[in-house]
Amino acid sequence: MNTCRGMSLLELMLVISITMILMTLGVPSLLDSKQQLHIKQAAQASYFFMQHARASAIASSKDVYVSIQPGQTWCLGMNVSQLCDCQIDDDCSVHGVQTRIGHSDYASVSLLQVRFGQNNSAVFDGERGMAMGNAGSVTFGDENDQLKLILSNMGRVRMCVLEGSILAHPAC
């Protein structure tokens, strides 16, 4: 005699209800984690961009300029011996290679604050890779989470959490 028994409609509805409750609780935190990851990626890309600018200055023995354009369509561009406009294609390049990052790469991340000297730019000297007189900071994020990228006069670049709970970086 075959005694196969399936689920009753009541059991099925109970499982679906529990699943819906768990999804309702889990999806917002998953979206927050995704946004935090985007902020972290934009800040880390900018961190490595600054490190690349410093290394290029030392390798070429020429000053390297990092131009920072704030606003909705923010960007960072790198050029040897002069400032560039990273909003214009092929305006920022080092050794013939276009070097820029920006909002188009990280659309959900805002550039909240730029605190650099003249022209929102950093300059790494070609002798030691220092940024004397060109130190500053850039803040990436949204209303909940903010990561700050700091460039010192010595050319050191570091990141810290200004607001929120982004892991792997110390608080500012």
N, C-alpha and C. Protein backbone atom coordinates (compact mmCIF):
# COMPACT_ATOMS: atom_id res chain seq x y z
N MET A 1 0.84 -1.17 0.00
CA MET A 1 0.00 0.00 0.00
C MET A 1 0.89 1.24 0.00
N ASN A 2 0.62 2.16 -0.86
CA ASN A 2 1.39 3.39 -1.03
C ASN A 2 0.86 4.45 -0.09
N THR A 3 1.72 4.96 0.81
CA THR A 3 1.27 5.96 1.78
C THR A 3 2.01 7.28 1.60
N CYS A 4 2.14 7.73 0.38
CA CYS A 4 2.77 9.03 0.12
C CYS A 4 1.84 10.13 0.56
N ARG A 5 2.40 11.07 1.26
CA ARG A 5 1.57 12.16 1.76
C ARG A 5 2.25 13.47 1.42
N GLY A 6 1.57 14.41 0.83
CA GLY A 6 2.11 15.72 0.48
C GLY A 6 1.81 16.72 1.58
N MET A 7 2.11 17.97 1.27
CA MET A 7 1.85 19.04 2.23
C MET A 7 0.42 19.51 2.10
N SER A 8 -0.17 19.88 3.21
CA SER A 8 -1.51 20.43 3.16
C SER A 8 -1.43 21.91 2.76
N LEU A 9 -2.52 22.46 2.37
CA LEU A 9 -2.57 23.87 1.98
C LEU A 9 -2.19 24.77 3.16
N LEU A 10 -2.59 24.40 4.35
CA LEU A 10 -2.27 25.19 5.53
C LEU A 10 -0.76 25.20 5.78
N GLU A 11 -0.10 24.04 5.65
CA GLU A 11 1.35 23.98 5.84
C GLU A 11 2.07 24.81 4.78
N LEU A 12 1.64 24.73 3.56
CA LEU A 12 2.24 25.50 2.47
C LEU A 12 2.09 26.99 2.71
N MET A 13 0.92 27.44 3.14
CA MET A 13 0.70 28.86 3.41
C MET A 13 1.56 29.33 4.59
N LEU A 14 1.78 28.48 5.58
CA LEU A 14 2.61 28.82 6.72
C LEU A 14 4.07 29.00 6.29
N VAL A 15 4.56 28.12 5.45
CA VAL A 15 5.94 28.22 4.96
C VAL A 15 6.11 29.49 4.12
N ILE A 16 5.15 29.78 3.26
CA ILE A 16 5.22 30.99 2.43
C ILE A 16 5.17 32.23 3.30
N SER A 17 4.34 32.25 4.32
CA SER A 17 4.24 33.40 5.22
C SER A 17 5.55 33.65 5.95
N ILE A 18 6.15 32.60 6.46
CA ILE A 18 7.43 32.74 7.17
C ILE A 18 8.51 33.24 6.22
N THR A 19 8.52 32.71 5.01
CA THR A 19 9.50 33.15 4.01
C THR A 19 9.32 34.63 3.68
N MET A 20 8.10 35.08 3.54
CA MET A 20 7.83 36.49 3.23
C MET A 20 8.26 37.39 4.38
N ILE A 21 8.04 36.97 5.60
CA ILE A 21 8.46 37.77 6.76
C ILE A 21 9.98 37.89 6.80
N LEU A 22 10.67 36.79 6.57
CA LEU A 22 12.14 36.82 6.57
C LEU A 22 12.68 37.69 5.44
N MET A 23 12.05 37.64 4.28
CA MET A 23 12.49 38.47 3.16
C MET A 23 12.24 39.95 3.45
N THR A 24 11.12 40.26 4.07
CA THR A 24 10.79 41.64 4.42
C THR A 24 11.84 42.21 5.37
N LEU A 25 12.32 41.40 6.28
CA LEU A 25 13.33 41.86 7.22
C LEU A 25 14.73 41.89 6.60
N GLY A 26 15.01 40.99 5.67
CA GLY A 26 16.35 40.86 5.13
C GLY A 26 16.69 41.75 3.95
N VAL A 27 15.74 42.07 3.10
CA VAL A 27 16.02 42.83 1.88
C VAL A 27 16.54 44.24 2.17
N PRO A 28 15.97 45.02 3.09
CA PRO A 28 16.53 46.36 3.35
C PRO A 28 17.99 46.32 3.80
N SER A 29 18.34 45.37 4.67
CA SER A 29 19.74 45.31 5.11
C SER A 29 20.64 44.87 3.96
N LEU A 30 20.15 44.06 3.07
CA LEU A 30 20.92 43.66 1.89
C LEU A 30 21.17 44.86 0.98
N LEU A 31 20.15 45.71 0.79
CA LEU A 31 20.31 46.91 -0.03
C LEU A 31 21.28 47.90 0.61
N ASP A 32 21.22 48.03 1.95
CA ASP A 32 22.17 48.90 2.66
C ASP A 32 23.60 48.39 2.47
N SER A 33 23.77 47.09 2.56
CA SER A 33 25.11 46.51 2.37
C SER A 33 25.61 46.75 0.96
N LYS A 34 24.73 46.67 -0.01
CA LYS A 34 25.12 46.91 -1.40
C LYS A 34 25.57 48.35 -1.59
N GLN A 35 24.84 49.31 -1.02
CA GLN A 35 25.21 50.72 -1.12
C GLN A 35 26.54 51.00 -0.41
N GLN A 36 26.73 50.39 0.75
CA GLN A 36 28.00 50.54 1.46
C GLN A 36 29.15 50.01 0.62
N LEU A 37 28.92 48.91 -0.07
CA LEU A 37 29.95 48.33 -0.93
C LEU A 37 30.30 49.28 -2.08
N HIS A 38 29.30 49.93 -2.67
CA HIS A 38 29.55 50.89 -3.75
C HIS A 38 30.36 52.08 -3.24
N ILE A 39 30.04 52.58 -2.06
CA ILE A 39 30.78 53.70 -1.48
C ILE A 39 32.23 53.29 -1.23
N LYS A 40 32.39 52.10 -0.67
CA LYS A 40 33.73 51.59 -0.39
C LYS A 40 34.53 51.41 -1.68
N GLN A 41 33.89 50.91 -2.74
CA GLN A 41 34.58 50.73 -4.02
C GLN A 41 35.02 52.06 -4.62
N ALA A 42 34.16 53.07 -4.56
CA ALA A 42 34.52 54.38 -5.11
C ALA A 42 35.68 55.00 -4.34
N ALA A 43 35.64 54.90 -3.01
CA ALA A 43 36.71 55.46 -2.19
C ALA A 43 38.02 54.70 -2.41
N GLN A 44 37.95 53.38 -2.50
CA GLN A 44 39.17 52.59 -2.73
C GLN A 44 39.75 52.85 -4.12
N ALA A 45 38.89 52.99 -5.11
CA ALA A 45 39.39 53.30 -6.46
C ALA A 45 40.10 54.66 -6.45
N SER A 46 39.55 55.61 -5.72
CA SER A 46 40.17 56.94 -5.61
C SER A 46 41.47 56.86 -4.83
N TYR A 47 41.51 56.02 -3.81
CA TYR A 47 42.72 55.80 -3.03
C TYR A 47 43.84 55.28 -3.95
N PHE A 48 43.54 54.25 -4.72
CA PHE A 48 44.56 53.69 -5.62
C PHE A 48 44.89 54.65 -6.75
N PHE A 49 43.94 55.47 -7.14
CA PHE A 49 44.17 56.50 -8.16
C PHE A 49 45.22 57.50 -7.65
N MET A 50 45.07 57.93 -6.41
CA MET A 50 46.04 58.86 -5.80
C MET A 50 47.41 58.19 -5.66
N GLN A 51 47.41 56.93 -5.25
CA GLN A 51 48.67 56.20 -5.14
C GLN A 51 49.35 56.09 -6.50
N HIS A 52 48.58 55.85 -7.53
CA HIS A 52 49.11 55.77 -8.89
C HIS A 52 49.69 57.12 -9.32
N ALA A 53 49.02 58.19 -8.97
CA ALA A 53 49.51 59.53 -9.31
C ALA A 53 50.85 59.79 -8.63
N ARG A 54 50.95 59.41 -7.38
CA ARG A 54 52.21 59.60 -6.64
C ARG A 54 53.33 58.76 -7.26
N ALA A 55 53.04 57.52 -7.56
CA ALA A 55 54.06 56.65 -8.16
C ALA A 55 54.47 57.14 -9.54
N SER A 56 53.52 57.66 -10.31
CA SER A 56 53.84 58.20 -11.64
C SER A 56 54.73 59.43 -11.54
N ALA A 57 54.48 60.25 -10.53
CA ALA A 57 55.31 61.45 -10.33
C ALA A 57 56.75 61.05 -10.02
N ILE A 58 56.92 60.10 -9.15
CA ILE A 58 58.27 59.65 -8.79
C ILE A 58 58.95 58.98 -9.98
N ALA A 59 58.22 58.12 -10.70
CA ALA A 59 58.81 57.39 -11.82
C ALA A 59 59.22 58.30 -12.97
N SER A 60 58.43 59.33 -13.24
CA SER A 60 58.72 60.21 -14.38
C SER A 60 59.55 61.43 -13.98
N SER A 61 59.74 61.64 -12.69
CA SER A 61 60.45 62.83 -12.18
C SER A 61 59.78 64.13 -12.63
N LYS A 62 58.47 64.08 -12.83
CA LYS A 62 57.68 65.25 -13.20
C LYS A 62 56.50 65.37 -12.24
N ASP A 63 56.06 66.60 -12.02
CA ASP A 63 54.88 66.79 -11.19
C ASP A 63 53.67 66.16 -11.86
N VAL A 64 52.83 65.51 -11.04
CA VAL A 64 51.59 64.92 -11.54
C VAL A 64 50.43 65.61 -10.82
N TYR A 65 49.47 66.07 -11.60
CA TYR A 65 48.31 66.80 -11.09
C TYR A 65 47.09 65.89 -11.06
N VAL A 66 46.36 65.93 -9.96
CA VAL A 66 45.08 65.23 -9.85
C VAL A 66 43.99 66.29 -9.74
N SER A 67 43.16 66.38 -10.76
CA SER A 67 42.06 67.35 -10.78
C SER A 67 40.81 66.67 -10.25
N ILE A 68 40.09 67.36 -9.38
CA ILE A 68 38.87 66.81 -8.78
C ILE A 68 37.71 67.73 -9.14
N GLN A 69 36.72 67.18 -9.84
CA GLN A 69 35.53 67.94 -10.22
C GLN A 69 34.36 67.50 -9.33
N PRO A 70 33.92 68.35 -8.41
CA PRO A 70 32.77 67.98 -7.57
C PRO A 70 31.46 68.11 -8.33
N GLY A 71 30.38 67.70 -7.70
CA GLY A 71 29.06 67.86 -8.29
C GLY A 71 28.41 66.52 -8.61
N GLN A 72 27.26 66.59 -9.28
CA GLN A 72 26.51 65.39 -9.63
C GLN A 72 27.32 64.43 -10.48
N THR A 73 28.08 64.95 -11.42
CA THR A 73 28.88 64.11 -12.31
C THR A 73 30.36 64.26 -11.95
N TRP A 74 30.67 63.95 -10.70
CA TRP A 74 32.02 64.11 -10.16
C TRP A 74 33.01 63.21 -10.92
N CYS A 75 34.27 63.63 -10.87
CA CYS A 75 35.33 62.82 -11.47
C CYS A 75 36.69 63.25 -10.92
N LEU A 76 37.67 62.37 -11.08
CA LEU A 76 39.06 62.64 -10.76
C LEU A 76 39.86 62.35 -12.02
N GLY A 77 40.74 63.27 -12.37
CA GLY A 77 41.58 63.07 -13.54
C GLY A 77 43.03 63.34 -13.21
N MET A 78 43.93 62.65 -13.89
CA MET A 78 45.35 62.76 -13.62
C MET A 78 46.07 63.19 -14.88
N ASN A 79 47.04 64.11 -14.73
CA ASN A 79 47.78 64.61 -15.88
C ASN A 79 49.18 65.00 -15.43
N VAL A 80 50.12 64.94 -16.35
CA VAL A 80 51.50 65.32 -16.06
C VAL A 80 51.69 66.79 -16.42
N SER A 81 52.27 67.55 -15.52
CA SER A 81 52.73 68.93 -15.72
C SER A 81 51.65 70.00 -15.80
N GLN A 82 50.38 69.65 -15.80
CA GLN A 82 49.33 70.68 -15.81
C GLN A 82 48.00 70.07 -15.37
N LEU A 83 47.07 70.94 -14.98
CA LEU A 83 45.73 70.50 -14.61
C LEU A 83 44.98 70.05 -15.86
N CYS A 84 43.99 69.20 -15.66
CA CYS A 84 43.16 68.75 -16.78
C CYS A 84 41.69 68.82 -16.36
N ASP A 85 40.81 68.69 -17.32
CA ASP A 85 39.37 68.65 -17.04
C ASP A 85 38.90 67.22 -17.28
N CYS A 86 38.62 66.50 -16.20
CA CYS A 86 38.24 65.09 -16.33
C CYS A 86 36.86 64.90 -16.94
N GLN A 87 36.11 65.98 -17.12
CA GLN A 87 34.81 65.89 -17.78
C GLN A 87 34.97 65.76 -19.30
N ILE A 88 36.14 66.12 -19.81
CA ILE A 88 36.41 66.08 -21.25
C ILE A 88 37.19 64.82 -21.59
N ASP A 89 36.71 64.05 -22.57
CA ASP A 89 37.41 62.85 -23.00
C ASP A 89 38.82 63.18 -23.46
N ASP A 90 39.76 62.33 -23.13
CA ASP A 90 41.16 62.40 -23.55
C ASP A 90 41.88 63.66 -23.08
N ASP A 91 41.35 64.39 -22.10
CA ASP A 91 42.06 65.57 -21.59
C ASP A 91 43.03 65.19 -20.47
N CYS A 92 42.74 64.12 -19.75
CA CYS A 92 43.58 63.68 -18.64
C CYS A 92 44.29 62.39 -19.03
N SER A 93 45.61 62.47 -19.12
CA SER A 93 46.36 61.26 -19.47
C SER A 93 47.77 61.33 -18.90
N VAL A 94 48.32 60.16 -18.65
CA VAL A 94 49.70 60.02 -18.21
C VAL A 94 50.37 59.03 -19.16
N HIS A 95 51.42 59.48 -19.82
CA HIS A 95 52.16 58.67 -20.80
C HIS A 95 51.24 58.13 -21.90
N GLY A 96 50.29 58.97 -22.31
CA GLY A 96 49.39 58.60 -23.41
C GLY A 96 48.22 57.72 -23.01
N VAL A 97 48.09 57.40 -21.74
CA VAL A 97 46.99 56.56 -21.27
C VAL A 97 46.00 57.43 -20.50
N GLN A 98 44.73 57.37 -20.90
CA GLN A 98 43.70 58.16 -20.24
C GLN A 98 43.56 57.69 -18.80
N THR A 99 43.62 58.63 -17.87
CA THR A 99 43.55 58.28 -16.45
C THR A 99 42.50 59.14 -15.76
N ARG A 100 41.34 58.55 -15.57
CA ARG A 100 40.27 59.24 -14.83
C ARG A 100 39.29 58.22 -14.29
N ILE A 101 38.66 58.58 -13.20
CA ILE A 101 37.56 57.80 -12.64
C ILE A 101 36.47 58.78 -12.28
N GLY A 102 35.25 58.28 -12.17
CA GLY A 102 34.20 59.22 -11.83
C GLY A 102 32.84 58.61 -11.60
N HIS A 103 31.87 59.48 -11.61
CA HIS A 103 30.49 59.13 -11.33
C HIS A 103 29.96 58.07 -12.27
N SER A 104 30.40 58.07 -13.51
CA SER A 104 29.92 57.08 -14.46
C SER A 104 30.31 55.66 -14.04
N ASP A 105 31.41 55.52 -13.29
CA ASP A 105 31.84 54.21 -12.79
C ASP A 105 31.11 53.83 -11.51
N TYR A 106 30.67 54.81 -10.73
CA TYR A 106 30.04 54.59 -9.43
C TYR A 106 28.80 55.47 -9.32
N ALA A 107 27.79 55.17 -10.09
CA ALA A 107 26.63 56.05 -10.25
C ALA A 107 25.84 56.28 -8.96
N SER A 108 25.85 55.34 -8.04
CA SER A 108 25.04 55.51 -6.83
C SER A 108 25.80 56.22 -5.71
N VAL A 109 27.04 56.64 -5.98
CA VAL A 109 27.86 57.28 -4.94
C VAL A 109 28.02 58.76 -5.25
N SER A 110 27.88 59.58 -4.23
CA SER A 110 28.04 61.02 -4.39
C SER A 110 29.39 61.47 -3.82
N LEU A 111 29.92 62.50 -4.42
CA LEU A 111 31.11 63.16 -3.89
C LEU A 111 30.57 64.30 -3.03
N LEU A 112 30.55 64.10 -1.73
CA LEU A 112 29.87 65.02 -0.83
C LEU A 112 30.67 66.27 -0.50
N GLN A 113 31.99 66.11 -0.41
CA GLN A 113 32.79 67.26 0.00
C GLN A 113 34.20 67.15 -0.57
N VAL A 114 34.72 68.26 -1.07
CA VAL A 114 36.09 68.33 -1.55
C VAL A 114 36.78 69.46 -0.79
N ARG A 115 37.85 69.13 -0.12
CA ARG A 115 38.62 70.14 0.62
C ARG A 115 40.08 70.06 0.18
N PHE A 116 40.37 70.67 -0.93
CA PHE A 116 41.72 70.80 -1.43
C PHE A 116 41.99 72.26 -1.67
N GLY A 117 43.23 72.60 -1.93
CA GLY A 117 43.62 73.99 -2.14
C GLY A 117 43.02 74.56 -3.41
N GLN A 118 43.84 75.22 -4.17
CA GLN A 118 43.38 75.89 -5.38
C GLN A 118 42.86 74.88 -6.40
N ASN A 119 41.82 75.26 -7.08
CA ASN A 119 41.27 74.50 -8.21
C ASN A 119 40.86 73.08 -7.87
N ASN A 120 40.60 72.76 -6.60
CA ASN A 120 40.26 71.39 -6.21
C ASN A 120 41.22 70.38 -6.82
N SER A 121 42.49 70.58 -6.59
CA SER A 121 43.49 69.69 -7.18
C SER A 121 44.59 69.34 -6.18
N ALA A 122 45.21 68.21 -6.44
CA ALA A 122 46.38 67.79 -5.66
C ALA A 122 47.54 67.70 -6.63
N VAL A 123 48.73 68.03 -6.15
CA VAL A 123 49.92 67.96 -6.99
C VAL A 123 50.98 67.15 -6.26
N PHE A 124 51.45 66.09 -6.91
CA PHE A 124 52.54 65.28 -6.37
C PHE A 124 53.82 65.71 -7.06
N ASP A 125 54.84 66.07 -6.25
CA ASP A 125 56.08 66.51 -6.87
C ASP A 125 56.86 65.32 -7.43
N GLY A 126 57.59 65.58 -8.50
CA GLY A 126 58.30 64.53 -9.21
C GLY A 126 59.55 64.04 -8.52
N GLU A 127 59.95 64.71 -7.46
CA GLU A 127 61.18 64.32 -6.79
C GLU A 127 60.95 63.26 -5.71
N ARG A 128 59.98 63.52 -4.84
CA ARG A 128 59.72 62.60 -3.73
C ARG A 128 58.27 62.14 -3.64
N GLY A 129 57.44 62.61 -4.52
CA GLY A 129 56.04 62.22 -4.46
C GLY A 129 55.26 62.88 -3.34
N MET A 130 55.76 63.99 -2.87
CA MET A 130 55.09 64.70 -1.78
C MET A 130 54.01 65.63 -2.34
N ALA A 131 53.09 66.01 -1.48
CA ALA A 131 52.01 66.91 -1.88
C ALA A 131 52.03 68.17 -1.03
N MET A 132 53.22 68.71 -0.77
CA MET A 132 53.37 69.88 0.09
C MET A 132 52.51 71.04 -0.40
N GLY A 133 51.65 71.52 0.49
CA GLY A 133 50.77 72.64 0.14
C GLY A 133 49.57 72.23 -0.69
N ASN A 134 49.46 70.96 -1.00
CA ASN A 134 48.35 70.46 -1.82
C ASN A 134 47.57 69.36 -1.12
N ALA A 135 47.68 69.29 0.19
CA ALA A 135 46.97 68.27 0.95
C ALA A 135 45.48 68.60 1.00
N GLY A 136 44.69 67.60 1.30
CA GLY A 136 43.26 67.83 1.40
C GLY A 136 42.50 66.54 1.60
N SER A 137 41.19 66.61 1.42
CA SER A 137 40.35 65.42 1.60
C SER A 137 39.16 65.45 0.67
N VAL A 138 38.63 64.27 0.44
CA VAL A 138 37.44 64.08 -0.38
C VAL A 138 36.53 63.13 0.38
N THR A 139 35.24 63.41 0.44
CA THR A 139 34.29 62.56 1.14
C THR A 139 33.31 61.95 0.16
N PHE A 140 33.23 60.62 0.17
CA PHE A 140 32.29 59.87 -0.68
C PHE A 140 31.18 59.31 0.20
N GLY A 141 29.98 59.17 -0.36
CA GLY A 141 28.94 58.52 0.41
C GLY A 141 27.54 58.95 0.05
N ASP A 142 26.66 58.76 1.04
CA ASP A 142 25.26 59.17 0.94
C ASP A 142 24.86 59.71 2.31
N GLU A 143 23.56 59.82 2.58
CA GLU A 143 23.14 60.41 3.85
C GLU A 143 23.42 59.50 5.06
N ASN A 144 23.64 58.20 4.83
CA ASN A 144 23.87 57.28 5.93
C ASN A 144 25.34 56.91 6.15
N ASP A 145 26.07 56.72 5.08
CA ASP A 145 27.44 56.23 5.17
C ASP A 145 28.38 57.15 4.41
N GLN A 146 29.51 57.48 5.03
CA GLN A 146 30.48 58.38 4.40
C GLN A 146 31.90 57.90 4.67
N LEU A 147 32.69 57.81 3.60
CA LEU A 147 34.10 57.47 3.69
C LEU A 147 34.91 58.68 3.27
N LYS A 148 35.93 58.98 4.04
CA LYS A 148 36.76 60.15 3.76
C LYS A 148 38.15 59.69 3.30
N LEU A 149 38.60 60.24 2.19
CA LEU A 149 39.93 59.99 1.65
C LEU A 149 40.78 61.21 1.97
N ILE A 150 41.90 60.99 2.65
CA ILE A 150 42.74 62.09 3.12
C ILE A 150 44.12 61.98 2.50
N LEU A 151 44.60 63.09 1.93
CA LEU A 151 45.94 63.18 1.38
C LEU A 151 46.75 64.14 2.26
N SER A 152 47.87 63.65 2.81
CA SER A 152 48.70 64.49 3.67
C SER A 152 49.74 65.23 2.84
N ASN A 153 50.39 66.21 3.44
CA ASN A 153 51.46 66.95 2.76
C ASN A 153 52.62 66.04 2.35
N MET A 154 52.81 64.95 3.05
CA MET A 154 53.89 64.02 2.75
C MET A 154 53.53 63.08 1.59
N GLY A 155 52.31 63.18 1.08
CA GLY A 155 51.88 62.33 -0.03
C GLY A 155 51.23 61.04 0.42
N ARG A 156 51.02 60.90 1.71
CA ARG A 156 50.37 59.70 2.24
C ARG A 156 48.87 59.80 2.04
N VAL A 157 48.28 58.71 1.56
CA VAL A 157 46.84 58.66 1.34
C VAL A 157 46.26 57.64 2.32
N ARG A 158 45.17 58.02 2.98
CA ARG A 158 44.51 57.09 3.90
C ARG A 158 43.01 57.31 3.85
N MET A 159 42.26 56.32 4.35
CA MET A 159 40.81 56.40 4.38
C MET A 159 40.31 56.17 5.80
N CYS A 160 39.19 56.82 6.10
CA CYS A 160 38.55 56.60 7.39
C CYS A 160 37.04 56.78 7.23
N VAL A 161 36.30 56.19 8.17
CA VAL A 161 34.84 56.28 8.15
C VAL A 161 34.41 57.54 8.87
N LEU A 162 33.74 58.42 8.15
CA LEU A 162 33.27 59.67 8.73
C LEU A 162 31.92 59.47 9.40
N GLU A 163 31.07 58.65 8.76
CA GLU A 163 29.74 58.40 9.29
C GLU A 163 29.25 57.04 8.80
N GLY A 164 28.55 56.32 9.65
CA GLY A 164 27.99 55.03 9.25
C GLY A 164 28.79 53.87 9.80
N SER A 165 28.55 52.71 9.22
CA SER A 165 29.15 51.48 9.75
C SER A 165 29.87 50.69 8.67
N ILE A 166 30.62 51.38 7.83
CA ILE A 166 31.40 50.70 6.79
C ILE A 166 32.57 50.02 7.47
N LEU A 167 32.71 48.72 7.26
CA LEU A 167 33.74 47.95 7.95
C LEU A 167 35.08 48.08 7.24
N ALA A 168 36.13 47.66 7.89
CA ALA A 168 37.50 47.57 7.38
C ALA A 168 38.25 48.89 7.37
N HIS A 169 37.65 49.96 7.85
CA HIS A 169 38.35 51.24 7.94
C HIS A 169 38.10 51.85 9.32
N PRO A 170 39.11 52.52 9.88
CA PRO A 170 38.92 53.12 11.21
C PRO A 170 38.03 54.37 11.12
N ALA A 171 37.52 54.77 12.24
CA ALA A 171 36.72 56.00 12.31
C ALA A 171 37.66 57.20 12.20
N CYS A 172 37.15 58.29 11.66
CA CYS A 172 37.95 59.52 11.52
C CYS A 172 38.14 60.20 12.86
